[in-house]
Amino acid sequence: MIRVYMDMKGPQLYISFTNAAPAGKRRKKG
């Protein structure tokens, strides 16, 4: 699944992308 939402939030454009991903929380590097 992929869900995309775009609309105004105050004076700015809000963009949200959510997608299904393999289980397990990803960790940041750098």
Full PDB file with SEQRES, HELIX, SHEET, SSBOND, CRYST1, ORIGX, SCALE, CONECT and MASTER records, all heavy atoms in Angstrom:
SEQRES   1 A   30  MET ILE ARG VAL TYR MET ASP MET LYS GLY PRO GLN LEU          
SEQRES   2 A   30  TYR ILE SER PHE THR ASN ALA ALA PRO ALA GLY LYS ARG          
SEQRES   3 A   30  ARG LYS LYS GLY                                              
SHEET    1 AA1 2 ILE A   2  LYS A   9  0                                        
SHEET    2 AA1 2 GLN A  12  ASN A  19 -1                                        
CRYST1    1.000    1.000    1.000  90.00  90.00  90.00 P 1           1          
ORIGX1      1.000000  0.000000  0.000000        0.00000                         
ORIGX2      0.000000  1.000000  0.000000        0.00000                         
ORIGX3      0.000000  0.000000  1.000000        0.00000                         
SCALE1      1.000000  0.000000  0.000000        0.00000                         
SCALE2      0.000000  1.000000  0.000000        0.00000                         
SCALE3      0.000000  0.000000  1.000000        0.00000                         
ATOM      1  N   MET A   1       0.829  -1.197   0.000  1.00  0.00           N  
ATOM      2  CA  MET A   1       0.000   0.000   0.000  1.00  0.00           C  
ATOM      3  C   MET A   1       0.868   1.253   0.000  1.00  0.00           C  
ATOM      4  O   MET A   1       1.979   1.277   0.551  1.00  0.00           O  
ATOM      5  CB  MET A   1      -0.969   0.004   1.179  1.00  0.00           C  
ATOM      6  CG  MET A   1      -0.378   0.307   2.525  1.00  0.00           C  
ATOM      7  SD  MET A   1      -0.260   2.083   2.894  1.00  0.00           S  
ATOM      8  CE  MET A   1       0.474   2.043   4.544  1.00  0.00           C  
ATOM      9  N   ILE A   2       0.329   2.301  -0.625  1.00  0.00           N  
ATOM     10  CA  ILE A   2       0.931   3.638  -0.610  1.00  0.00           C  
ATOM     11  C   ILE A   2      -0.202   4.636  -0.388  1.00  0.00           C  
ATOM     12  O   ILE A   2      -1.240   4.559  -1.048  1.00  0.00           O  
ATOM     13  CB  ILE A   2       1.654   3.973  -1.927  1.00  0.00           C  
ATOM     14  CG1 ILE A   2       2.836   3.024  -2.158  1.00  0.00           C  
ATOM     15  CG2 ILE A   2       2.153   5.430  -1.914  1.00  0.00           C  
ATOM     16  CD1 ILE A   2       3.490   3.196  -3.523  1.00  0.00           C  
ATOM     17  N   ARG A   3      -0.014   5.573   0.540  1.00  0.00           N  
ATOM     18  CA  ARG A   3      -0.990   6.616   0.793  1.00  0.00           C  
ATOM     19  C   ARG A   3      -0.287   7.979   0.683  1.00  0.00           C  
ATOM     20  O   ARG A   3       0.721   8.217   1.358  1.00  0.00           O  
ATOM     21  CB  ARG A   3      -1.611   6.465   2.181  1.00  0.00           C  
ATOM     22  CG  ARG A   3      -2.380   5.165   2.387  1.00  0.00           C  
ATOM     23  CD  ARG A   3      -3.662   5.133   1.588  1.00  0.00           C  
ATOM     24  NE  ARG A   3      -4.407   3.909   1.817  1.00  0.00           N  
ATOM     25  CZ  ARG A   3      -4.291   2.805   1.062  1.00  0.00           C  
ATOM     26  NH1 ARG A   3      -3.444   2.800   0.037  1.00  0.00           N  
ATOM     27  NH2 ARG A   3      -4.992   1.724   1.332  1.00  0.00           N  
ATOM     28  N   VAL A   4      -0.861   8.839  -0.150  1.00  0.00           N  
ATOM     29  CA  VAL A   4      -0.301  10.178  -0.343  1.00  0.00           C  
ATOM     30  C   VAL A   4      -1.375  11.213  -0.018  1.00  0.00           C  
ATOM     31  O   VAL A   4      -2.511  11.109  -0.496  1.00  0.00           O  
ATOM     32  CB  VAL A   4       0.179  10.380  -1.790  1.00  0.00           C  
ATOM     33  CG1 VAL A   4       0.783  11.778  -1.956  1.00  0.00           C  
ATOM     34  CG2 VAL A   4       1.186   9.310  -2.178  1.00  0.00           C  
ATOM     35  N   TYR A   5      -1.004  12.184   0.793  1.00  0.00           N  
ATOM     36  CA  TYR A   5      -1.927  13.268   1.137  1.00  0.00           C  
ATOM     37  C   TYR A   5      -1.197  14.595   0.970  1.00  0.00           C  
ATOM     38  O   TYR A   5      -0.083  14.773   1.458  1.00  0.00           O  
ATOM     39  CB  TYR A   5      -2.425  13.125   2.577  1.00  0.00           C  
ATOM     40  CG  TYR A   5      -3.334  14.250   3.014  1.00  0.00           C  
ATOM     41  CD1 TYR A   5      -4.660  14.297   2.591  1.00  0.00           C  
ATOM     42  CD2 TYR A   5      -2.865  15.259   3.842  1.00  0.00           C  
ATOM     43  CE1 TYR A   5      -5.499  15.325   2.981  1.00  0.00           C  
ATOM     44  CE2 TYR A   5      -3.697  16.298   4.248  1.00  0.00           C  
ATOM     45  CZ  TYR A   5      -5.016  16.326   3.815  1.00  0.00           C  
ATOM     46  OH  TYR A   5      -5.834  17.357   4.191  1.00  0.00           O  
ATOM     47  N   MET A   6      -1.860  15.537   0.266  1.00  0.00           N  
ATOM     48  CA  MET A   6      -1.274  16.859   0.052  1.00  0.00           C  
ATOM     49  C   MET A   6      -2.364  17.912   0.195  1.00  0.00           C  
ATOM     50  O   MET A   6      -3.391  17.839  -0.481  1.00  0.00           O  
ATOM     51  CB  MET A   6      -0.642  16.953  -1.344  1.00  0.00           C  
ATOM     52  CG  MET A   6       0.460  15.950  -1.612  1.00  0.00           C  
ATOM     53  SD  MET A   6       1.027  15.953  -3.328  1.00  0.00           S  
ATOM     54  CE  MET A   6       1.703  17.607  -3.459  1.00  0.00           C  
ATOM     55  N   ASP A   7      -2.129  18.886   1.065  1.00  0.00           N  
ATOM     56  CA  ASP A   7      -3.098  19.971   1.247  1.00  0.00           C  
ATOM     57  C   ASP A   7      -2.429  21.084   2.048  1.00  0.00           C  
ATOM     58  O   ASP A   7      -1.303  20.918   2.536  1.00  0.00           O  
ATOM     59  CB  ASP A   7      -4.357  19.466   1.946  1.00  0.00           C  
ATOM     60  CG  ASP A   7      -5.578  20.340   1.637  1.00  0.00           C  
ATOM     61  OD1 ASP A   7      -5.397  21.459   1.119  1.00  0.00           O  
ATOM     62  OD2 ASP A   7      -6.708  19.897   1.916  1.00  0.00           O  
ATOM     63  N   MET A   8      -3.139  22.180   2.206  1.00  0.00           N  
ATOM     64  CA  MET A   8      -2.589  23.307   2.934  1.00  0.00           C  
ATOM     65  C   MET A   8      -2.605  23.053   4.438  1.00  0.00           C  
ATOM     66  O   MET A   8      -3.561  22.481   4.977  1.00  0.00           O  
ATOM     67  CB  MET A   8      -3.390  24.572   2.625  1.00  0.00           C  
ATOM     68  CG  MET A   8      -3.369  24.976   1.165  1.00  0.00           C  
ATOM     69  SD  MET A   8      -1.684  25.212   0.556  1.00  0.00           S  
ATOM     70  CE  MET A   8      -1.142  26.598   1.558  1.00  0.00           C  
ATOM     71  N   LYS A   9      -1.552  23.466   5.084  1.00  0.00           N  
ATOM     72  CA  LYS A   9      -1.492  23.490   6.546  1.00  0.00           C  
ATOM     73  C   LYS A   9      -1.015  24.894   6.898  1.00  0.00           C  
ATOM     74  O   LYS A   9       0.186  25.186   6.866  1.00  0.00           O  
ATOM     75  CB  LYS A   9      -0.543  22.421   7.086  1.00  0.00           C  
ATOM     76  CG  LYS A   9      -0.482  22.391   8.605  1.00  0.00           C  
ATOM     77  CD  LYS A   9       0.311  21.206   9.110  1.00  0.00           C  
ATOM     78  CE  LYS A   9      -0.486  19.912   9.048  1.00  0.00           C  
ATOM     79  NZ  LYS A   9       0.202  18.804   9.778  1.00  0.00           N  
ATOM     80  N   GLY A  10      -1.972  25.755   7.212  1.00  0.00           N  
ATOM     81  CA  GLY A  10      -1.635  27.158   7.375  1.00  0.00           C  
ATOM     82  C   GLY A  10      -1.205  27.733   6.030  1.00  0.00           C  
ATOM     83  O   GLY A  10      -1.837  27.482   5.005  1.00  0.00           O  
ATOM     84  N   PRO A  11      -0.092  28.477   6.000  1.00  0.00           N  
ATOM     85  CA  PRO A  11       0.368  29.072   4.739  1.00  0.00           C  
ATOM     86  C   PRO A  11       1.276  28.147   3.923  1.00  0.00           C  
ATOM     87  O   PRO A  11       1.825  28.562   2.901  1.00  0.00           O  
ATOM     88  CB  PRO A  11       1.147  30.299   5.216  1.00  0.00           C  
ATOM     89  CG  PRO A  11       1.736  29.852   6.528  1.00  0.00           C  
ATOM     90  CD  PRO A  11       0.696  28.951   7.158  1.00  0.00           C  
ATOM     91  N   GLN A  12       1.447  26.909   4.363  1.00  0.00           N  
ATOM     92  CA  GLN A  12       2.384  25.999   3.703  1.00  0.00           C  
ATOM     93  C   GLN A  12       1.664  24.774   3.132  1.00  0.00           C  
ATOM     94  O   GLN A  12       0.598  24.384   3.610  1.00  0.00           O  
ATOM     95  CB  GLN A  12       3.459  25.550   4.687  1.00  0.00           C  
ATOM     96  CG  GLN A  12       4.267  26.692   5.285  1.00  0.00           C  
ATOM     97  CD  GLN A  12       5.391  26.182   6.167  1.00  0.00           C  
ATOM     98  OE1 GLN A  12       6.502  25.964   5.719  1.00  0.00           O  
ATOM     99  NE2 GLN A  12       5.086  25.995   7.441  1.00  0.00           N  
ATOM    100  N   LEU A  13       2.284  24.176   2.110  1.00  0.00           N  
ATOM    101  CA  LEU A  13       1.761  22.941   1.544  1.00  0.00           C  
ATOM    102  C   LEU A  13       2.317  21.766   2.340  1.00  0.00           C  
ATOM    103  O   LEU A  13       3.521  21.619   2.501  1.00  0.00           O  
ATOM    104  CB  LEU A  13       2.171  22.802   0.080  1.00  0.00           C  
ATOM    105  CG  LEU A  13       1.696  21.494  -0.602  1.00  0.00           C  
ATOM    106  CD1 LEU A  13       0.177  21.492  -0.756  1.00  0.00           C  
ATOM    107  CD2 LEU A  13       2.372  21.312  -1.959  1.00  0.00           C  
ATOM    108  N   TYR A  14       1.413  20.932   2.841  1.00  0.00           N  
ATOM    109  CA  TYR A  14       1.789  19.743   3.606  1.00  0.00           C  
ATOM    110  C   TYR A  14       1.746  18.522   2.690  1.00  0.00           C  
ATOM    111  O   TYR A  14       0.761  18.296   1.980  1.00  0.00           O  
ATOM    112  CB  TYR A  14       0.829  19.552   4.777  1.00  0.00           C  
ATOM    113  CG  TYR A  14       1.004  18.261   5.533  1.00  0.00           C  
ATOM    114  CD1 TYR A  14       2.113  18.048   6.346  1.00  0.00           C  
ATOM    115  CD2 TYR A  14       0.046  17.253   5.443  1.00  0.00           C  
ATOM    116  CE1 TYR A  14       2.268  16.866   7.050  1.00  0.00           C  
ATOM    117  CE2 TYR A  14       0.185  16.071   6.149  1.00  0.00           C  
ATOM    118  CZ  TYR A  14       1.296  15.878   6.945  1.00  0.00           C  
ATOM    119  OH  TYR A  14       1.449  14.699   7.639  1.00  0.00           O  
ATOM    120  N   ILE A  15       2.822  17.753   2.672  1.00  0.00           N  
ATOM    121  CA  ILE A  15       2.927  16.532   1.860  1.00  0.00           C  
ATOM    122  C   ILE A  15       3.216  15.367   2.793  1.00  0.00           C  
ATOM    123  O   ILE A  15       4.159  15.417   3.582  1.00  0.00           O  
ATOM    124  CB  ILE A  15       4.051  16.635   0.816  1.00  0.00           C  
ATOM    125  CG1 ILE A  15       3.824  17.829  -0.112  1.00  0.00           C  
ATOM    126  CG2 ILE A  15       4.158  15.341   0.002  1.00  0.00           C  
ATOM    127  CD1 ILE A  15       4.991  18.089  -1.062  1.00  0.00           C  
ATOM    128  N   SER A  16       2.424  14.312   2.678  1.00  0.00           N  
ATOM    129  CA  SER A  16       2.642  13.109   3.490  1.00  0.00           C  
ATOM    130  C   SER A  16       2.645  11.886   2.589  1.00  0.00           C  
ATOM    131  O   SER A  16       1.697  11.670   1.831  1.00  0.00           O  
ATOM    132  CB  SER A  16       1.548  12.969   4.556  1.00  0.00           C  
ATOM    133  OG  SER A  16       1.655  11.716   5.220  1.00  0.00           O  
ATOM    134  N   PHE A  17       3.717  11.113   2.647  1.00  0.00           N  
ATOM    135  CA  PHE A  17       3.847   9.842   1.932  1.00  0.00           C  
ATOM    136  C   PHE A  17       3.996   8.735   2.966  1.00  0.00           C  
ATOM    137  O   PHE A  17       4.930   8.761   3.767  1.00  0.00           O  
ATOM    138  CB  PHE A  17       5.087   9.834   1.035  1.00  0.00           C  
ATOM    139  CG  PHE A  17       4.850  10.214  -0.394  1.00  0.00           C  
ATOM    140  CD1 PHE A  17       4.638  11.537  -0.734  1.00  0.00           C  
ATOM    141  CD2 PHE A  17       4.813   9.260  -1.403  1.00  0.00           C  
ATOM    142  CE1 PHE A  17       4.421  11.907  -2.046  1.00  0.00           C  
ATOM    143  CE2 PHE A  17       4.588   9.614  -2.718  1.00  0.00           C  
ATOM    144  CZ  PHE A  17       4.391  10.941  -3.051  1.00  0.00           C  
ATOM    145  N   THR A  18       3.098   7.771   2.942  1.00  0.00           N  
ATOM    146  CA  THR A  18       3.211   6.600   3.813  1.00  0.00           C  
ATOM    147  C   THR A  18       3.147   5.349   2.952  1.00  0.00           C  
ATOM    148  O   THR A  18       2.268   5.233   2.098  1.00  0.00           O  
ATOM    149  CB  THR A  18       2.085   6.558   4.859  1.00  0.00           C  
ATOM    150  OG1 THR A  18       2.176   7.719   5.689  1.00  0.00           O  
ATOM    151  CG2 THR A  18       2.198   5.301   5.731  1.00  0.00           C  
ATOM    152  N   ASN A  19       4.077   4.454   3.169  1.00  0.00           N  
ATOM    153  CA  ASN A  19       4.064   3.199   2.413  1.00  0.00           C  
ATOM    154  C   ASN A  19       4.335   2.021   3.338  1.00  0.00           C  
ATOM    155  O   ASN A  19       5.004   2.148   4.372  1.00  0.00           O  
ATOM    156  CB  ASN A  19       5.105   3.213   1.298  1.00  0.00           C  
ATOM    157  CG  ASN A  19       6.522   3.403   1.795  1.00  0.00           C  
ATOM    158  OD1 ASN A  19       7.007   4.536   1.851  1.00  0.00           O  
ATOM    159  ND2 ASN A  19       7.200   2.305   2.146  1.00  0.00           N  
ATOM    160  N   ALA A  20       3.769   0.894   2.965  1.00  0.00           N  
ATOM    161  CA  ALA A  20       4.075  -0.342   3.682  1.00  0.00           C  
ATOM    162  C   ALA A  20       5.540  -0.682   3.430  1.00  0.00           C  
ATOM    163  O   ALA A  20       6.107  -0.354   2.382  1.00  0.00           O  
ATOM    164  CB  ALA A  20       3.175  -1.474   3.191  1.00  0.00           C  
ATOM    165  N   ALA A  21       6.148  -1.331   4.396  1.00  0.00           N  
ATOM    166  CA  ALA A  21       7.566  -1.686   4.295  1.00  0.00           C  
ATOM    167  C   ALA A  21       7.798  -2.987   5.052  1.00  0.00           C  
ATOM    168  O   ALA A  21       6.998  -3.356   5.917  1.00  0.00           O  
ATOM    169  CB  ALA A  21       8.439  -0.574   4.869  1.00  0.00           C  
ATOM    170  N   PRO A  22       8.869  -3.700   4.737  1.00  0.00           N  
ATOM    171  CA  PRO A  22       9.179  -4.924   5.473  1.00  0.00           C  
ATOM    172  C   PRO A  22       9.241  -4.659   6.972  1.00  0.00           C  
ATOM    173  O   PRO A  22       9.646  -3.577   7.408  1.00  0.00           O  
ATOM    174  CB  PRO A  22      10.538  -5.340   4.910  1.00  0.00           C  
ATOM    175  CG  PRO A  22      10.560  -4.757   3.532  1.00  0.00           C  
ATOM    176  CD  PRO A  22       9.830  -3.441   3.652  1.00  0.00           C  
ATOM    177  N   ALA A  23       8.815  -5.625   7.765  1.00  0.00           N  
ATOM    178  CA  ALA A  23       8.771  -5.467   9.219  1.00  0.00           C  
ATOM    179  C   ALA A  23      10.153  -5.143   9.771  1.00  0.00           C  
ATOM    180  O   ALA A  23      11.176  -5.534   9.230  1.00  0.00           O  
ATOM    181  CB  ALA A  23       8.230  -6.740   9.859  1.00  0.00           C  
ATOM    182  N   GLY A  24      10.142  -4.399  10.858  1.00  0.00           N  
ATOM    183  CA  GLY A  24      11.406  -4.017  11.481  1.00  0.00           C  
ATOM    184  C   GLY A  24      11.670  -2.548  11.281  1.00  0.00           C  
ATOM    185  O   GLY A  24      11.607  -2.048  10.158  1.00  0.00           O  
ATOM    186  N   LYS A  25      11.921  -1.834  12.348  1.00  0.00           N  
ATOM    187  CA  LYS A  25      12.163  -0.402  12.282  1.00  0.00           C  
ATOM    188  C   LYS A  25      13.533  -0.118  11.700  1.00  0.00           C  
ATOM    189  O   LYS A  25      14.539  -0.688  12.122  1.00  0.00           O  
ATOM    190  CB  LYS A  25      12.053   0.201  13.684  1.00  0.00           C  
ATOM    191  CG  LYS A  25      12.093   1.724  13.708  1.00  0.00           C  
ATOM    192  CD  LYS A  25      11.781   2.249  15.100  1.00  0.00           C  
ATOM    193  CE  LYS A  25      11.782   3.774  15.114  1.00  0.00           C  
ATOM    194  NZ  LYS A  25      11.409   4.296  16.455  1.00  0.00           N  
ATOM    195  N   ARG A  26      13.575   0.755  10.665  1.00  0.00           N  
ATOM    196  CA  ARG A  26      14.859   1.109  10.052  1.00  0.00           C  
ATOM    197  C   ARG A  26      15.612   2.095  10.926  1.00  0.00           C  
ATOM    198  O   ARG A  26      15.026   2.928  11.613  1.00  0.00           O  
ATOM    199  CB  ARG A  26      14.617   1.716   8.664  1.00  0.00           C  
ATOM    200  CG  ARG A  26      14.027   0.737   7.668  1.00  0.00           C  
ATOM    201  CD  ARG A  26      13.588   1.432   6.394  1.00  0.00           C  
ATOM    202  NE  ARG A  26      14.707   2.086   5.732  1.00  0.00           N  
ATOM    203  CZ  ARG A  26      14.574   2.874   4.646  1.00  0.00           C  
ATOM    204  NH1 ARG A  26      13.373   3.095   4.157  1.00  0.00           N  
ATOM    205  NH2 ARG A  26      15.617   3.421   4.085  1.00  0.00           N  
ATOM    206  N   ARG A  27      16.949   1.983  10.903  1.00  0.00           N  
ATOM    207  CA  ARG A  27      17.794   2.871  11.699  1.00  0.00           C  
ATOM    208  C   ARG A  27      18.548   3.826  10.793  1.00  0.00           C  
ATOM    209  O   ARG A  27      18.974   3.460   9.707  1.00  0.00           O  
ATOM    210  CB  ARG A  27      18.795   2.041  12.521  1.00  0.00           C  
ATOM    211  CG  ARG A  27      18.133   1.011  13.439  1.00  0.00           C  
ATOM    212  CD  ARG A  27      17.354   1.679  14.558  1.00  0.00           C  
ATOM    213  NE  ARG A  27      16.721   0.690  15.435  1.00  0.00           N  
ATOM    214  CZ  ARG A  27      15.938   1.002  16.457  1.00  0.00           C  
ATOM    215  NH1 ARG A  27      15.699   2.271  16.738  1.00  0.00           N  
ATOM    216  NH2 ARG A  27      15.393   0.057  17.190  1.00  0.00           N  
ATOM    217  N   LYS A  28      18.721   5.056  11.278  1.00  0.00           N  
ATOM    218  CA  LYS A  28      19.446   6.051  10.500  1.00  0.00           C  
ATOM    219  C   LYS A  28      20.949   5.808  10.586  1.00  0.00           C  
ATOM    220  O   LYS A  28      21.471   5.337  11.589  1.00  0.00           O  
ATOM    221  CB  LYS A  28      19.137   7.459  11.005  1.00  0.00           C  
ATOM    222  CG  LYS A  28      17.716   7.927  10.712  1.00  0.00           C  
ATOM    223  CD  LYS A  28      17.514   9.360  11.170  1.00  0.00           C  
ATOM    224  CE  LYS A  28      16.118   9.845  10.855  1.00  0.00           C  
ATOM    225  NZ  LYS A  28      15.892  11.244  11.279  1.00  0.00           N  
ATOM    226  N   LYS A  29      21.635   6.160   9.509  1.00  0.00           N  
ATOM    227  CA  LYS A  29      23.090   6.136   9.467  1.00  0.00           C  
ATOM    228  C   LYS A  29      23.563   7.480   8.935  1.00  0.00           C  
ATOM    229  O   LYS A  29      23.219   7.865   7.832  1.00  0.00           O  
ATOM    230  CB  LYS A  29      23.593   4.999   8.567  1.00  0.00           C  
ATOM    231  CG  LYS A  29      23.297   3.600   9.104  1.00  0.00           C  
ATOM    232  CD  LYS A  29      23.869   2.528   8.196  1.00  0.00           C  
ATOM    233  CE  LYS A  29      23.570   1.128   8.735  1.00  0.00           C  
ATOM    234  NZ  LYS A  29      24.122   0.064   7.852  1.00  0.00           N  
ATOM    235  N   GLY A  30      24.355   8.184   9.720  1.00  0.00           N  
ATOM    236  CA  GLY A  30      24.829   9.490   9.292  1.00  0.00           C  
ATOM    237  C   GLY A  30      23.707  10.488   9.120  1.00  0.00           C  
ATOM    238  O   GLY A  30      23.770  11.386   8.293  1.00  0.00           O  
TER     239      GLY A  30                                                      
MASTER        0    0    0    0    2    0    0    6  238    1    0    3          
END                                                                             
